[in-house]
Amino acid sequence: MRLWASVGSRALAPVSAALLVAVAAGPAAAHHVGAYVPRDNEVSANFKQIKFAIQARKLDVALRLFESGALRAEMRKQAARFPAGLEERTRAALAAGDGPRAERGLMIFFAGLVRDLALEADRRLADATEAPAARVAAAQKFLEAMWRYYNLVDFLVGQNDPKAAVAVRLAFDEAEGETKAPPAAARGNGAPESRGVPARPVAAPSPEKMREPLRRIALALSGLIETSMAGMR
């Protein structure tokens, strides 16, 4: 499969704990990924600063923000996961005043973070030593962390590879849908069990069904990284 050729034959190390930041608990955690805007952490906040500077055509400011910020530090920490030279090429693009090329480098970085989180979530879902409900709950946290980063570059992905953007969004929606119980009407045809109408069995969220859309996310983003990196050379 192209996915495994892209990420390499070696097993990926666990995703950096700093990247798997839990989203606020409670009602906000049960979101629809197309509308939910996650809270910032240092990496995502630094990205927004750089992006705004690029859009304002203040590439010298963007370069300073990149050189001293959390995003570049995380790029260096995660360098083994990415195509060689990504951080250097992104910095060179900023230094040369090439905003679109620099944005492509940043997009590749966040696409890689999401890809690796998707692969980590897939491994967690495959762990049969854990109860299915616990696996699905853990994967939902991964999904929230993934959306934190993908939400930042969704527009850039759409510009660079519209097909990948559609595939990723559809897979996000499908994966999130697999974490939810069916609505009451679907469980009992809208008729209360107290009226003598037996309720249909409620299907618990399935780890196996959630794995497939996560794999599609990883596959689409691996292809995006491969083709986009060619444009950075």
Protein backbone atom coordinates (compact mmCIF):
# COMPACT_ATOMS: atom_id res chain seq x y z
CA MET A 1 0.00 0.00 0.00
CA ARG A 2 1.13 3.51 -0.76
CA LEU A 3 0.47 4.58 2.83
CA TRP A 4 3.10 2.32 4.30
CA ALA A 5 5.57 3.21 1.57
CA SER A 6 5.08 6.86 2.48
CA VAL A 7 5.46 6.56 6.24
CA GLY A 8 8.31 4.11 5.98
CA SER A 9 8.75 0.48 6.92
CA ARG A 10 9.80 1.25 10.49
CA ALA A 11 7.16 1.35 13.24
CA LEU A 12 6.33 4.90 14.19
CA ALA A 13 7.23 5.91 17.72
CA PRO A 14 4.32 7.03 19.91
CA VAL A 15 3.07 10.47 18.96
CA SER A 16 4.49 13.26 21.10
CA ALA A 17 2.40 13.70 24.24
CA ALA A 18 2.51 17.46 23.68
CA LEU A 19 0.57 16.98 20.45
CA LEU A 20 -2.16 14.76 21.89
CA VAL A 21 -3.79 17.52 23.93
CA ALA A 22 -7.20 16.61 25.32
CA VAL A 23 -9.99 18.88 24.15
CA ALA A 24 -12.22 20.41 26.82
CA ALA A 25 -14.35 17.76 28.49
CA GLY A 26 -18.11 17.94 28.75
CA PRO A 27 -20.59 19.01 26.07
CA ALA A 28 -17.96 20.66 23.86
CA ALA A 29 -16.24 17.30 23.37
CA ALA A 30 -19.27 15.90 21.49
CA HIS A 31 -18.82 17.97 18.37
CA HIS A 32 -19.30 17.76 14.65
CA VAL A 33 -15.87 18.17 13.15
CA GLY A 34 -17.08 20.41 10.36
CA ALA A 35 -18.17 23.13 12.77
CA TYR A 36 -15.99 22.66 15.85
CA VAL A 37 -13.10 25.07 16.43
CA PRO A 38 -10.58 23.58 18.89
CA ARG A 39 -8.67 25.56 21.46
CA ASP A 40 -5.14 26.62 20.59
CA ASN A 41 -1.97 25.24 22.06
CA GLU A 42 1.50 26.78 21.58
CA VAL A 43 2.07 25.11 18.22
CA SER A 44 -1.29 26.02 16.69
CA ALA A 45 -1.13 29.57 18.09
CA ASN A 46 2.33 30.08 16.58
CA PHE A 47 1.07 28.79 13.23
CA LYS A 48 -1.73 31.37 13.23
CA GLN A 49 0.76 34.15 13.99
CA ILE A 50 2.96 33.06 11.09
CA LYS A 51 -0.02 32.66 8.75
CA PHE A 52 -1.36 36.13 9.52
CA ALA A 53 2.09 37.65 8.94
CA ILE A 54 2.36 35.86 5.58
CA GLN A 55 -1.10 37.01 4.55
CA ALA A 56 -0.18 40.58 5.51
CA ARG A 57 2.95 40.16 3.34
CA LYS A 58 5.19 40.76 6.32
CA LEU A 59 7.52 37.89 5.55
CA ASP A 60 10.30 39.28 7.76
CA VAL A 61 7.90 39.12 10.72
CA ALA A 62 6.76 35.64 9.70
CA LEU A 63 10.40 34.51 9.57
CA ARG A 64 11.10 35.82 13.08
CA LEU A 65 7.96 34.16 14.43
CA PHE A 66 8.97 30.89 12.80
CA GLU A 67 12.58 30.96 13.95
CA SER A 68 11.76 31.57 17.60
CA GLY A 69 8.40 29.83 17.89
CA ALA A 70 6.98 26.56 19.17
CA LEU A 71 6.08 25.37 15.67
CA ARG A 72 9.71 25.21 14.48
CA ALA A 73 10.74 23.57 17.75
CA GLU A 74 8.10 20.87 17.22
CA MET A 75 9.17 20.50 13.58
CA ARG A 76 12.69 19.73 14.75
CA LYS A 77 11.46 17.34 17.43
CA GLN A 78 9.35 15.44 14.89
CA ALA A 79 11.87 15.66 12.02
CA ALA A 80 12.32 11.88 11.69
CA ARG A 81 8.64 11.52 10.76
CA PHE A 82 8.81 13.91 7.81
CA PRO A 83 10.56 14.15 4.45
CA ALA A 84 14.16 15.31 4.89
CA GLY A 85 14.68 19.04 4.76
CA LEU A 86 11.12 20.17 5.46
CA GLU A 87 12.05 22.59 8.23
CA GLU A 88 15.01 24.03 6.29
CA ARG A 89 12.95 24.48 3.11
CA THR A 90 10.12 26.16 5.02
CA ARG A 91 12.56 28.59 6.62
CA ALA A 92 14.27 29.24 3.26
CA ALA A 93 10.90 30.06 1.68
CA LEU A 94 10.15 32.59 4.41
CA ALA A 95 13.63 34.11 4.08
CA ALA A 96 13.12 34.41 0.31
CA GLY A 97 9.72 36.08 0.75
CA ASP A 98 7.92 33.15 -0.90
CA GLY A 99 4.69 33.02 1.11
CA PRO A 100 2.88 30.28 -0.86
CA ARG A 101 5.88 27.95 -0.68
CA ALA A 102 6.26 28.57 3.06
CA GLU A 103 2.56 27.85 3.60
CA ARG A 104 2.98 24.59 1.70
CA GLY A 105 5.73 23.58 4.10
CA LEU A 106 3.54 24.35 7.09
CA MET A 107 0.65 22.44 5.53
CA ILE A 108 2.90 19.38 5.05
CA PHE A 109 3.90 19.54 8.71
CA PHE A 110 0.35 19.63 10.06
CA ALA A 111 -0.82 17.02 7.55
CA GLY A 112 1.94 14.78 8.91
CA LEU A 113 0.87 15.34 12.49
CA VAL A 114 -2.71 14.38 11.61
CA ARG A 115 -1.56 11.34 9.63
CA ASP A 116 0.54 10.06 12.54
CA LEU A 117 -2.27 10.61 15.05
CA ALA A 118 -4.61 8.68 12.74
CA LEU A 119 -2.15 5.77 12.60
CA GLU A 120 -1.72 5.87 16.39
CA ALA A 121 -5.51 5.85 16.85
CA ASP A 122 -5.79 2.89 14.47
CA ARG A 123 -3.26 0.96 16.55
CA ARG A 124 -5.17 1.78 19.72
CA LEU A 125 -8.41 0.57 18.19
CA ALA A 126 -6.73 -2.70 17.16
CA ASP A 127 -5.66 -3.47 20.74
CA ALA A 128 -7.99 -6.33 21.65
CA THR A 129 -6.72 -6.39 25.25
CA GLU A 130 -8.83 -3.30 25.94
CA ALA A 131 -12.63 -3.16 26.08
CA PRO A 132 -14.25 -1.92 22.82
CA ALA A 133 -15.90 1.06 24.53
CA ALA A 134 -12.58 2.17 26.03
CA ARG A 135 -10.86 1.86 22.66
CA VAL A 136 -13.52 3.96 20.96
CA ALA A 137 -13.35 6.60 23.73
CA ALA A 138 -9.56 6.80 23.36
CA ALA A 139 -9.86 7.04 19.56
CA GLN A 140 -12.35 9.88 19.93
CA LYS A 141 -9.72 11.84 21.86
CA PHE A 142 -7.27 11.17 19.05
CA LEU A 143 -9.90 12.38 16.57
CA GLU A 144 -10.30 15.64 18.51
CA ALA A 145 -6.52 16.16 18.56
CA MET A 146 -6.39 15.41 14.83
CA TRP A 147 -9.08 17.99 14.09
CA ARG A 148 -7.17 20.57 16.15
CA TYR A 149 -4.37 20.43 13.57
CA TYR A 150 -6.28 19.64 10.39
CA ASN A 151 -8.65 22.54 10.99
CA LEU A 152 -5.65 24.89 10.64
CA VAL A 153 -4.71 23.77 7.13
CA ASP A 154 -8.01 22.54 5.67
CA PHE A 155 -8.13 25.52 3.29
CA LEU A 156 -4.52 24.99 2.17
CA VAL A 157 -5.17 21.29 1.59
CA GLY A 158 -8.18 22.21 -0.54
CA GLN A 159 -6.02 24.55 -2.62
CA ASN A 160 -3.25 22.02 -3.13
CA ASP A 161 -5.24 18.79 -3.46
CA PRO A 162 -9.05 19.19 -3.55
CA LYS A 163 -9.57 15.43 -3.85
CA ALA A 164 -7.57 14.77 -0.69
CA ALA A 165 -9.43 17.55 1.15
CA VAL A 166 -12.82 15.99 0.34
CA ALA A 167 -11.60 12.49 1.27
CA VAL A 168 -10.24 13.67 4.63
CA ARG A 169 -13.36 15.61 5.58
CA LEU A 170 -15.68 12.72 4.69
CA ALA A 171 -13.51 10.31 6.66
CA PHE A 172 -13.49 12.65 9.67
CA ASP A 173 -17.29 12.77 9.64
CA GLU A 174 -17.55 9.00 9.27
CA ALA A 175 -15.07 8.30 12.07
CA GLU A 176 -16.84 10.68 14.41
CA GLY A 177 -20.21 9.17 13.50
CA GLU A 178 -18.96 5.75 14.56
CA THR A 179 -18.43 7.03 18.12
CA LYS A 180 -22.11 7.85 18.62
CA ALA A 181 -25.09 5.69 19.51
CA PRO A 182 -27.98 5.68 17.00
CA PRO A 183 -30.85 8.14 17.68
CA ALA A 184 -33.83 7.00 19.72
CA ALA A 185 -36.12 6.75 16.69
CA ALA A 186 -33.73 4.32 15.02
CA ARG A 187 -33.55 2.20 18.16
CA GLY A 188 -37.29 1.65 18.50
CA ASN A 189 -39.09 3.04 15.45
CA GLY A 190 -40.12 6.01 17.58
CA ALA A 191 -42.41 3.87 19.73
CA PRO A 192 -41.72 3.67 23.50
CA GLU A 193 -40.99 0.18 24.78
CA SER A 194 -43.61 0.78 27.52
CA ARG A 195 -46.34 0.58 24.86
CA GLY A 196 -45.47 -3.02 24.18
CA VAL A 197 -43.26 -2.39 21.14
CA PRO A 198 -39.89 -4.07 21.70
CA ALA A 199 -36.92 -1.80 21.13
CA ARG A 200 -34.33 -2.82 18.56
CA PRO A 201 -30.95 -3.84 19.95
CA VAL A 202 -28.63 -0.85 20.27
CA ALA A 203 -25.36 -1.38 18.44
CA ALA A 204 -22.39 -0.25 20.51
CA PRO A 205 -19.75 1.89 18.80
CA SER A 206 -17.45 -0.44 16.88
CA PRO A 207 -13.64 -0.12 17.03
CA GLU A 208 -13.34 -1.98 13.73
CA LYS A 209 -15.75 0.32 11.90
CA MET A 210 -13.88 3.37 13.21
CA ARG A 211 -10.53 2.06 11.94
CA GLU A 212 -11.44 2.25 8.25
CA PRO A 213 -12.03 6.05 8.04
CA LEU A 214 -8.91 6.67 10.13
CA ARG A 215 -6.89 4.65 7.64
CA ARG A 216 -8.38 6.66 4.78
CA ILE A 217 -7.32 9.89 6.51
CA ALA A 218 -3.77 8.60 6.86
CA LEU A 219 -3.69 7.38 3.26
CA ALA A 220 -5.00 10.66 1.80
CA LEU A 221 -2.57 12.75 3.85
CA SER A 222 0.38 10.52 2.98
CA GLY A 223 -0.35 11.14 -0.70
CA LEU A 224 -0.72 14.88 -0.06
CA ILE A 225 2.64 15.01 1.72
CA GLU A 226 4.36 13.11 -1.07
CA THR A 227 3.09 15.32 -3.89
CA SER A 228 3.39 18.60 -1.95
CA MET A 229 6.96 17.93 -0.89
CA ALA A 230 7.90 17.67 -4.56
CA GLY A 231 6.80 21.29 -4.89
CA MET A 232 9.08 22.33 -2.04
CA ARG A 233 12.22 21.14 -3.84
